[in-house]
Amino acid sequence: MEQSDARLDRIRTAGFVIRSSDPVVTAPTIDETWRLIAGSAVTPDVTVPFADSAVSLTGAWLQVVRGHQIVSVTDDLLIASPFQGNGADIRDWIPVRLTDRINLSSMVDARGSVEFVGRSMDGTRYCGVTAEDDGYWVIAGKYPMSRPVTWIEATNWPPKESTTLTEILAMIRGGSDIPQMKIAVAKALHEIYGLSVSKARQITSLLDEFLCPIVPEDELERLWRSVVSPDVID
């Protein structure tokens, strides 16, 4: 869905060139950016007193977004259109390009303040303007690095109530690029199936380096069931 004409007009009036009226919904999101801007431990890069002119706020913001490389080499970035009340729920970024006519006084929101957020096109850096007790804060930073999903988290594990240890071992043998497979088994048994570390190691001690049992397979399965379902009586 396209952004409303009123929001786009307000951004154009502030001197931005709108690169596309189609919304950009890729993460990091506007909500995530606001949480970083409004955090209790945040300190501003620049504070602009309310008594100063809009030219001062505009100049401070431009200095910060350029200094923190939030704009691309072609002066592009994403911004969120100012909140204008009436229950508006702004979720989509607007791709814009800087010009020599930027004037943030035209970004005044429904409360009479200039408050908005932006981010780099590649999603690595963010910026924002907030109205605080001592003036406007101009804030910038890098998004926290997201933790990569591990192979254990990415695997669709069968339920422990019905699966056999043989099935689990086959899944791990069939996995690509899983180093130290016995350690991988122990981690899966501990993290996915809730075994204690000592019990997981007890089971892996009965496997060779290729995850083949060094005891009869039915004995290994009995040990598995006694650990994962201790209340089940054969």
C-alpha atoms as a PDB file:
ATOM      1  CA  MET A   1       0.000   0.000   0.000  1.00  0.00           C
ATOM      2  CA  GLU A   2       1.347   3.414  -0.919  1.00  0.00           C
ATOM      3  CA  GLN A   3       2.046   6.082   1.644  1.00  0.00           C
ATOM      4  CA  SER A   4      -0.622   8.811   1.897  1.00  0.00           C
ATOM      5  CA  ASP A   5      -0.180  11.905  -0.280  1.00  0.00           C
ATOM      6  CA  ALA A   6      -0.256  14.154   2.824  1.00  0.00           C
ATOM      7  CA  ARG A   7       2.761  12.436   4.351  1.00  0.00           C
ATOM      8  CA  LEU A   8       4.684  12.444   1.123  1.00  0.00           C
ATOM      9  CA  ASP A   9       3.889  16.115   0.556  1.00  0.00           C
ATOM     10  CA  ARG A  10       5.162  16.974   4.032  1.00  0.00           C
ATOM     11  CA  ILE A  11       8.453  15.212   3.323  1.00  0.00           C
ATOM     12  CA  ARG A  12       8.795  16.913  -0.049  1.00  0.00           C
ATOM     13  CA  THR A  13       8.158  20.269   1.615  1.00  0.00           C
ATOM     14  CA  ALA A  14      11.048  19.519   3.994  1.00  0.00           C
ATOM     15  CA  GLY A  15      13.335  19.368   0.948  1.00  0.00           C
ATOM     16  CA  PHE A  16      13.673  15.612   0.469  1.00  0.00           C
ATOM     17  CA  VAL A  17      13.366  13.932  -2.901  1.00  0.00           C
ATOM     18  CA  ILE A  18      11.160  10.863  -2.546  1.00  0.00           C
ATOM     19  CA  ARG A  19      12.749   7.990  -4.420  1.00  0.00           C
ATOM     20  CA  SER A  20       9.604   5.858  -4.428  1.00  0.00           C
ATOM     21  CA  SER A  21       6.109   6.138  -2.994  1.00  0.00           C
ATOM     22  CA  ASP A  22       6.017   2.380  -2.426  1.00  0.00           C
ATOM     23  CA  PRO A  23       6.614   1.423   1.225  1.00  0.00           C
ATOM     24  CA  VAL A  24       9.807  -0.278   2.337  1.00  0.00           C
ATOM     25  CA  VAL A  25       9.033  -2.892   4.972  1.00  0.00           C
ATOM     26  CA  THR A  26      12.392  -4.609   5.440  1.00  0.00           C
ATOM     27  CA  ALA A  27      13.967  -4.815   8.887  1.00  0.00           C
ATOM     28  CA  PRO A  28      15.176  -3.133  10.990  1.00  0.00           C
ATOM     29  CA  THR A  29      11.701  -1.722  11.459  1.00  0.00           C
ATOM     30  CA  ILE A  30      10.522   1.717  12.514  1.00  0.00           C
ATOM     31  CA  ASP A  31       9.381   0.323  15.878  1.00  0.00           C
ATOM     32  CA  GLU A  32      12.789  -1.253  16.486  1.00  0.00           C
ATOM     33  CA  THR A  33      14.462   2.041  15.639  1.00  0.00           C
ATOM     34  CA  TRP A  34      12.245   4.037  17.981  1.00  0.00           C
ATOM     35  CA  ARG A  35      13.106   1.651  20.824  1.00  0.00           C
ATOM     36  CA  LEU A  36      16.792   2.377  20.266  1.00  0.00           C
ATOM     37  CA  ILE A  37      16.253   6.138  20.003  1.00  0.00           C
ATOM     38  CA  ALA A  38      14.017   6.338  23.083  1.00  0.00           C
ATOM     39  CA  GLY A  39      15.999   4.022  25.372  1.00  0.00           C
ATOM     40  CA  SER A  40      16.646   5.225  28.915  1.00  0.00           C
ATOM     41  CA  ALA A  41      20.436   4.984  28.501  1.00  0.00           C
ATOM     42  CA  VAL A  42      20.539   7.000  25.269  1.00  0.00           C
ATOM     43  CA  THR A  43      22.690  10.123  25.100  1.00  0.00           C
ATOM     44  CA  PRO A  44      22.435  12.566  22.184  1.00  0.00           C
ATOM     45  CA  ASP A  45      25.124  13.198  19.618  1.00  0.00           C
ATOM     46  CA  VAL A  46      23.941  16.801  19.500  1.00  0.00           C
ATOM     47  CA  THR A  47      21.446  18.809  21.567  1.00  0.00           C
ATOM     48  CA  VAL A  48      19.738  21.779  19.881  1.00  0.00           C
ATOM     49  CA  PRO A  49      17.896  24.194  22.259  1.00  0.00           C
ATOM     50  CA  PHE A  50      14.274  24.850  21.356  1.00  0.00           C
ATOM     51  CA  ALA A  51      15.093  28.573  21.194  1.00  0.00           C
ATOM     52  CA  ASP A  52      17.468  27.993  18.294  1.00  0.00           C
ATOM     53  CA  SER A  53      16.155  28.189  14.755  1.00  0.00           C
ATOM     54  CA  ALA A  54      15.122  25.275  12.578  1.00  0.00           C
ATOM     55  CA  VAL A  55      18.281  25.975  10.595  1.00  0.00           C
ATOM     56  CA  SER A  56      20.323  24.872  13.632  1.00  0.00           C
ATOM     57  CA  LEU A  57      18.369  21.612  13.975  1.00  0.00           C
ATOM     58  CA  THR A  58      18.620  20.925  10.255  1.00  0.00           C
ATOM     59  CA  GLY A  59      22.362  21.546  10.226  1.00  0.00           C
ATOM     60  CA  ALA A  60      22.923  19.351  13.285  1.00  0.00           C
ATOM     61  CA  TRP A  61      20.882  16.508  11.798  1.00  0.00           C
ATOM     62  CA  LEU A  62      22.690  16.687   8.450  1.00  0.00           C
ATOM     63  CA  GLN A  63      26.058  16.673  10.202  1.00  0.00           C
ATOM     64  CA  VAL A  64      25.103  13.584  12.211  1.00  0.00           C
ATOM     65  CA  VAL A  65      23.642  11.552   9.338  1.00  0.00           C
ATOM     66  CA  ARG A  66      26.651  12.299   7.168  1.00  0.00           C
ATOM     67  CA  GLY A  67      29.194  11.795   9.934  1.00  0.00           C
ATOM     68  CA  HIS A  68      27.690   8.429  10.909  1.00  0.00           C
ATOM     69  CA  GLN A  69      27.386   7.295   7.274  1.00  0.00           C
ATOM     70  CA  ILE A  70      23.636   6.905   7.524  1.00  0.00           C
ATOM     71  CA  VAL A  71      23.274   8.380   4.048  1.00  0.00           C
ATOM     72  CA  SER A  72      24.628   6.410   1.105  1.00  0.00           C
ATOM     73  CA  VAL A  73      27.219   7.697  -1.330  1.00  0.00           C
ATOM     74  CA  THR A  74      24.312   8.980  -3.407  1.00  0.00           C
ATOM     75  CA  ASP A  75      22.769  10.748  -0.362  1.00  0.00           C
ATOM     76  CA  ASP A  76      19.938   8.230  -0.007  1.00  0.00           C
ATOM     77  CA  LEU A  77      18.406   6.985   3.254  1.00  0.00           C
ATOM     78  CA  LEU A  78      15.094   5.767   4.654  1.00  0.00           C
ATOM     79  CA  ILE A  79      12.934   7.906   6.937  1.00  0.00           C
ATOM     80  CA  ALA A  80       9.608   7.475   8.700  1.00  0.00           C
ATOM     81  CA  SER A  81       7.001  10.076   7.899  1.00  0.00           C
ATOM     82  CA  PRO A  82       6.016  12.288  10.868  1.00  0.00           C
ATOM     83  CA  PHE A  83       3.117  11.116  13.010  1.00  0.00           C
ATOM     84  CA  GLN A  84       0.050  13.238  12.260  1.00  0.00           C
ATOM     85  CA  GLY A  85      -2.486  11.846  14.713  1.00  0.00           C
ATOM     86  CA  ASN A  86      -5.904  10.445  13.799  1.00  0.00           C
ATOM     87  CA  GLY A  87      -4.795   6.971  14.872  1.00  0.00           C
ATOM     88  CA  ALA A  88      -2.185   6.738  12.131  1.00  0.00           C
ATOM     89  CA  ASP A  89       0.026   3.691  12.443  1.00  0.00           C
ATOM     90  CA  ILE A  90       3.286   4.317  10.608  1.00  0.00           C
ATOM     91  CA  ARG A  91       5.132   1.101   9.834  1.00  0.00           C
ATOM     92  CA  ASP A  92       6.764   1.657   6.460  1.00  0.00           C
ATOM     93  CA  TRP A  93       9.990   3.428   5.598  1.00  0.00           C
ATOM     94  CA  ILE A  94      10.117   6.036   2.830  1.00  0.00           C
ATOM     95  CA  PRO A  95      13.213   6.067   0.598  1.00  0.00           C
ATOM     96  CA  VAL A  96      14.455   9.633   0.161  1.00  0.00           C
ATOM     97  CA  ARG A  97      17.440  11.557  -1.144  1.00  0.00           C
ATOM     98  CA  LEU A  98      18.972  14.626   0.483  1.00  0.00           C
ATOM     99  CA  THR A  99      19.055  17.959  -1.326  1.00  0.00           C
ATOM    100  CA  ASP A 100      20.501  21.354  -0.484  1.00  0.00           C
ATOM    101  CA  ARG A 101      16.980  22.506   0.524  1.00  0.00           C
ATOM    102  CA  ILE A 102      16.483  20.343   3.660  1.00  0.00           C
ATOM    103  CA  ASN A 103      14.451  22.211   6.308  1.00  0.00           C
ATOM    104  CA  LEU A 104      13.314  20.108   9.243  1.00  0.00           C
ATOM    105  CA  SER A 105      10.829  22.728  10.420  1.00  0.00           C
ATOM    106  CA  SER A 106       8.454  21.216   7.848  1.00  0.00           C
ATOM    107  CA  MET A 107       8.653  17.873   9.681  1.00  0.00           C
ATOM    108  CA  VAL A 108       6.572  19.150  12.612  1.00  0.00           C
ATOM    109  CA  ASP A 109       4.214  16.441  13.870  1.00  0.00           C
ATOM    110  CA  ALA A 110       0.693  16.602  15.301  1.00  0.00           C
ATOM    111  CA  ARG A 111       2.058  17.700  18.709  1.00  0.00           C
ATOM    112  CA  GLY A 112       4.004  20.624  17.287  1.00  0.00           C
ATOM    113  CA  SER A 113       7.412  18.964  17.639  1.00  0.00           C
ATOM    114  CA  VAL A 114       9.971  17.614  15.220  1.00  0.00           C
ATOM    115  CA  GLU A 115      10.374  13.925  16.040  1.00  0.00           C
ATOM    116  CA  PHE A 116      11.185  11.272  13.461  1.00  0.00           C
ATOM    117  CA  VAL A 117      13.565   8.407  12.790  1.00  0.00           C
ATOM    118  CA  GLY A 118      15.604   7.257   9.822  1.00  0.00           C
ATOM    119  CA  ARG A 119      18.037   4.507   8.906  1.00  0.00           C
ATOM    120  CA  SER A 120      20.624   3.651   6.309  1.00  0.00           C
ATOM    121  CA  MET A 121      19.579   1.861   3.145  1.00  0.00           C
ATOM    122  CA  ASP A 122      21.590  -1.220   4.124  1.00  0.00           C
ATOM    123  CA  GLY A 123      19.945  -1.443   7.545  1.00  0.00           C
ATOM    124  CA  THR A 124      23.133  -1.121   9.598  1.00  0.00           C
ATOM    125  CA  ARG A 125      22.771   2.389  11.090  1.00  0.00           C
ATOM    126  CA  TYR A 126      19.970   4.534  12.454  1.00  0.00           C
ATOM    127  CA  CYS A 127      19.269   8.158  13.372  1.00  0.00           C
ATOM    128  CA  GLY A 128      16.514  10.126  14.999  1.00  0.00           C
ATOM    129  CA  VAL A 129      15.327  13.449  16.367  1.00  0.00           C
ATOM    130  CA  THR A 130      13.419  13.589  19.659  1.00  0.00           C
ATOM    131  CA  ALA A 131      12.036  16.488  21.698  1.00  0.00           C
ATOM    132  CA  GLU A 132      13.397  16.320  25.260  1.00  0.00           C
ATOM    133  CA  ASP A 133      13.305  18.672  28.276  1.00  0.00           C
ATOM    134  CA  ASP A 134      16.461  20.546  27.270  1.00  0.00           C
ATOM    135  CA  GLY A 135      15.819  20.723  23.518  1.00  0.00           C
ATOM    136  CA  TYR A 136      15.941  18.525  20.462  1.00  0.00           C
ATOM    137  CA  TRP A 137      18.201  15.502  20.654  1.00  0.00           C
ATOM    138  CA  VAL A 138      19.846  14.254  17.472  1.00  0.00           C
ATOM    139  CA  ILE A 139      20.851  10.628  17.972  1.00  0.00           C
ATOM    140  CA  ALA A 140      22.633   8.096  15.778  1.00  0.00           C
ATOM    141  CA  GLY A 141      24.096   4.631  16.184  1.00  0.00           C
ATOM    142  CA  LYS A 142      24.559   1.154  14.777  1.00  0.00           C
ATOM    143  CA  TYR A 143      21.867  -1.468  15.032  1.00  0.00           C
ATOM    144  CA  PRO A 144      22.766  -4.332  17.363  1.00  0.00           C
ATOM    145  CA  MET A 145      24.107  -7.298  15.456  1.00  0.00           C
ATOM    146  CA  SER A 146      21.479 -10.017  15.328  1.00  0.00           C
ATOM    147  CA  ARG A 147      22.566 -13.379  16.685  1.00  0.00           C
ATOM    148  CA  PRO A 148      22.881 -15.939  13.884  1.00  0.00           C
ATOM    149  CA  VAL A 149      20.508 -18.872  14.069  1.00  0.00           C
ATOM    150  CA  THR A 150      22.399 -22.028  15.007  1.00  0.00           C
ATOM    151  CA  TRP A 151      21.955 -25.309  13.165  1.00  0.00           C
ATOM    152  CA  ILE A 152      20.275 -26.713  16.288  1.00  0.00           C
ATOM    153  CA  GLU A 153      17.689 -23.915  16.273  1.00  0.00           C
ATOM    154  CA  ALA A 154      17.151 -24.247  12.518  1.00  0.00           C
ATOM    155  CA  THR A 155      16.511 -28.012  12.621  1.00  0.00           C
ATOM    156  CA  ASN A 156      12.967 -29.372  12.760  1.00  0.00           C
ATOM    157  CA  TRP A 157      13.442 -31.885  15.559  1.00  0.00           C
ATOM    158  CA  PRO A 158      10.946 -34.742  16.021  1.00  0.00           C
ATOM    159  CA  PRO A 159       9.023 -34.848  19.328  1.00  0.00           C
ATOM    160  CA  LYS A 160      10.827 -36.551  22.167  1.00  0.00           C
ATOM    161  CA  GLU A 161       7.734 -38.548  23.119  1.00  0.00           C
ATOM    162  CA  SER A 162       7.876 -40.659  19.975  1.00  0.00           C
ATOM    163  CA  THR A 163      11.290 -40.336  18.381  1.00  0.00           C
ATOM    164  CA  THR A 164      14.114 -42.820  18.734  1.00  0.00           C
ATOM    165  CA  LEU A 165      17.758 -42.048  19.302  1.00  0.00           C
ATOM    166  CA  THR A 166      18.472 -43.715  15.959  1.00  0.00           C
ATOM    167  CA  GLU A 167      16.361 -41.066  14.218  1.00  0.00           C
ATOM    168  CA  ILE A 168      18.187 -38.256  15.968  1.00  0.00           C
ATOM    169  CA  LEU A 169      21.591 -39.688  15.056  1.00  0.00           C
ATOM    170  CA  ALA A 170      20.491 -40.091  11.426  1.00  0.00           C
ATOM    171  CA  MET A 171      19.409 -36.446  11.312  1.00  0.00           C
ATOM    172  CA  ILE A 172      22.763 -35.265  12.598  1.00  0.00           C
ATOM    173  CA  ARG A 173      24.723 -37.560  10.262  1.00  0.00           C
ATOM    174  CA  GLY A 174      22.733 -36.128   7.366  1.00  0.00           C
ATOM    175  CA  GLY A 175      23.373 -32.530   8.358  1.00  0.00           C
ATOM    176  CA  SER A 176      25.766 -30.465   6.290  1.00  0.00           C
ATOM    177  CA  ASP A 177      28.838 -28.838   7.803  1.00  0.00           C
ATOM    178  CA  ILE A 178      28.252 -30.060  11.359  1.00  0.00           C
ATOM    179  CA  PRO A 179      31.676 -30.251  13.014  1.00  0.00           C
ATOM    180  CA  GLN A 180      32.455 -32.596  15.904  1.00  0.00           C
ATOM    181  CA  MET A 181      29.355 -34.730  15.548  1.00  0.00           C
ATOM    182  CA  LYS A 182      29.522 -36.314  19.011  1.00  0.00           C
ATOM    183  CA  ILE A 183      29.550 -32.862  20.557  1.00  0.00           C
ATOM    184  CA  ALA A 184      26.646 -31.943  18.257  1.00  0.00           C
ATOM    185  CA  VAL A 185      24.674 -34.927  19.571  1.00  0.00           C
ATOM    186  CA  ALA A 186      25.340 -33.951  23.180  1.00  0.00           C
ATOM    187  CA  LYS A 187      24.259 -30.335  22.497  1.00  0.00           C
ATOM    188  CA  ALA A 188      21.052 -31.463  20.779  1.00  0.00           C
ATOM    189  CA  LEU A 189      20.158 -33.894  23.551  1.00  0.00           C
ATOM    190  CA  HIS A 190      20.756 -31.204  26.143  1.00  0.00           C
ATOM    191  CA  GLU A 191      19.244 -28.147  24.395  1.00  0.00           C
ATOM    192  CA  ILE A 192      16.351 -29.780  22.516  1.00  0.00           C
ATOM    193  CA  TYR A 193      15.448 -32.827  24.590  1.00  0.00           C
ATOM    194  CA  GLY A 194      16.276 -31.499  28.036  1.00  0.00           C
ATOM    195  CA  LEU A 195      18.828 -34.081  29.089  1.00  0.00           C
ATOM    196  CA  SER A 196      21.366 -33.069  31.677  1.00  0.00           C
ATOM    197  CA  VAL A 197      24.890 -32.602  30.367  1.00  0.00           C
ATOM    198  CA  SER A 198      26.052 -35.723  32.218  1.00  0.00           C
ATOM    199  CA  LYS A 199      23.258 -37.869  30.749  1.00  0.00           C
ATOM    200  CA  ALA A 200      23.922 -36.516  27.246  1.00  0.00           C
ATOM    201  CA  ARG A 201      27.602 -37.370  27.618  1.00  0.00           C
ATOM    202  CA  GLN A 202      26.720 -40.830  28.921  1.00  0.00           C
ATOM    203  CA  ILE A 203      24.887 -41.509  25.671  1.00  0.00           C
ATOM    204  CA  THR A 204      27.585 -40.061  23.407  1.00  0.00           C
ATOM    205  CA  SER A 205      30.206 -42.130  25.210  1.00  0.00           C
ATOM    206  CA  LEU A 206      28.499 -45.169  23.664  1.00  0.00           C
ATOM    207  CA  LEU A 207      28.969 -43.856  20.097  1.00  0.00           C
ATOM    208  CA  ASP A 208      31.994 -43.950  17.846  1.00  0.00           C
ATOM    209  CA  GLU A 209      33.196 -40.933  15.839  1.00  0.00           C
ATOM    210  CA  PHE A 210      30.697 -41.765  13.057  1.00  0.00           C
ATOM    211  CA  LEU A 211      27.832 -41.897  15.592  1.00  0.00           C
ATOM    212  CA  CYS A 212      27.543 -45.669  15.344  1.00  0.00           C
ATOM    213  CA  PRO A 213      26.735 -47.454  18.641  1.00  0.00           C
ATOM    214  CA  ILE A 214      29.574 -49.379  20.276  1.00  0.00           C
ATOM    215  CA  VAL A 215      26.962 -51.334  22.266  1.00  0.00           C
ATOM    216  CA  PRO A 216      23.909 -53.196  20.972  1.00  0.00           C
ATOM    217  CA  GLU A 217      21.468 -50.734  19.444  1.00  0.00           C
ATOM    218  CA  ASP A 218      18.531 -51.912  21.558  1.00  0.00           C
ATOM    219  CA  GLU A 219      20.601 -51.308  24.690  1.00  0.00           C
ATOM    220  CA  LEU A 220      21.302 -47.752  23.552  1.00  0.00           C
ATOM    221  CA  GLU A 221      17.616 -47.180  22.808  1.00  0.00           C
ATOM    222  CA  ARG A 222      16.645 -48.453  26.273  1.00  0.00           C
ATOM    223  CA  LEU A 223      19.089 -46.016  27.820  1.00  0.00           C
ATOM    224  CA  TRP A 224      17.622 -43.215  25.688  1.00  0.00           C
ATOM    225  CA  ARG A 225      14.054 -44.014  26.688  1.00  0.00           C
ATOM    226  CA  SER A 226      14.972 -44.362  30.365  1.00  0.00           C
ATOM    227  CA  VAL A 227      16.438 -40.832  30.264  1.00  0.00           C
ATOM    228  CA  VAL A 228      13.917 -39.030  28.072  1.00  0.00           C
ATOM    229  CA  SER A 229      10.833 -40.836  29.470  1.00  0.00           C
ATOM    230  CA  PRO A 230      11.817 -42.102  32.912  1.00  0.00           C
ATOM    231  CA  ASP A 231       8.196 -42.766  33.921  1.00  0.00           C
ATOM    232  CA  VAL A 232       7.610 -45.234  31.084  1.00  0.00           C
ATOM    233  CA  ILE A 233       7.941 -48.838  32.309  1.00  0.00           C
ATOM    234  CA  ASP A 234       8.777 -51.532  29.745  1.00  0.00           C
END
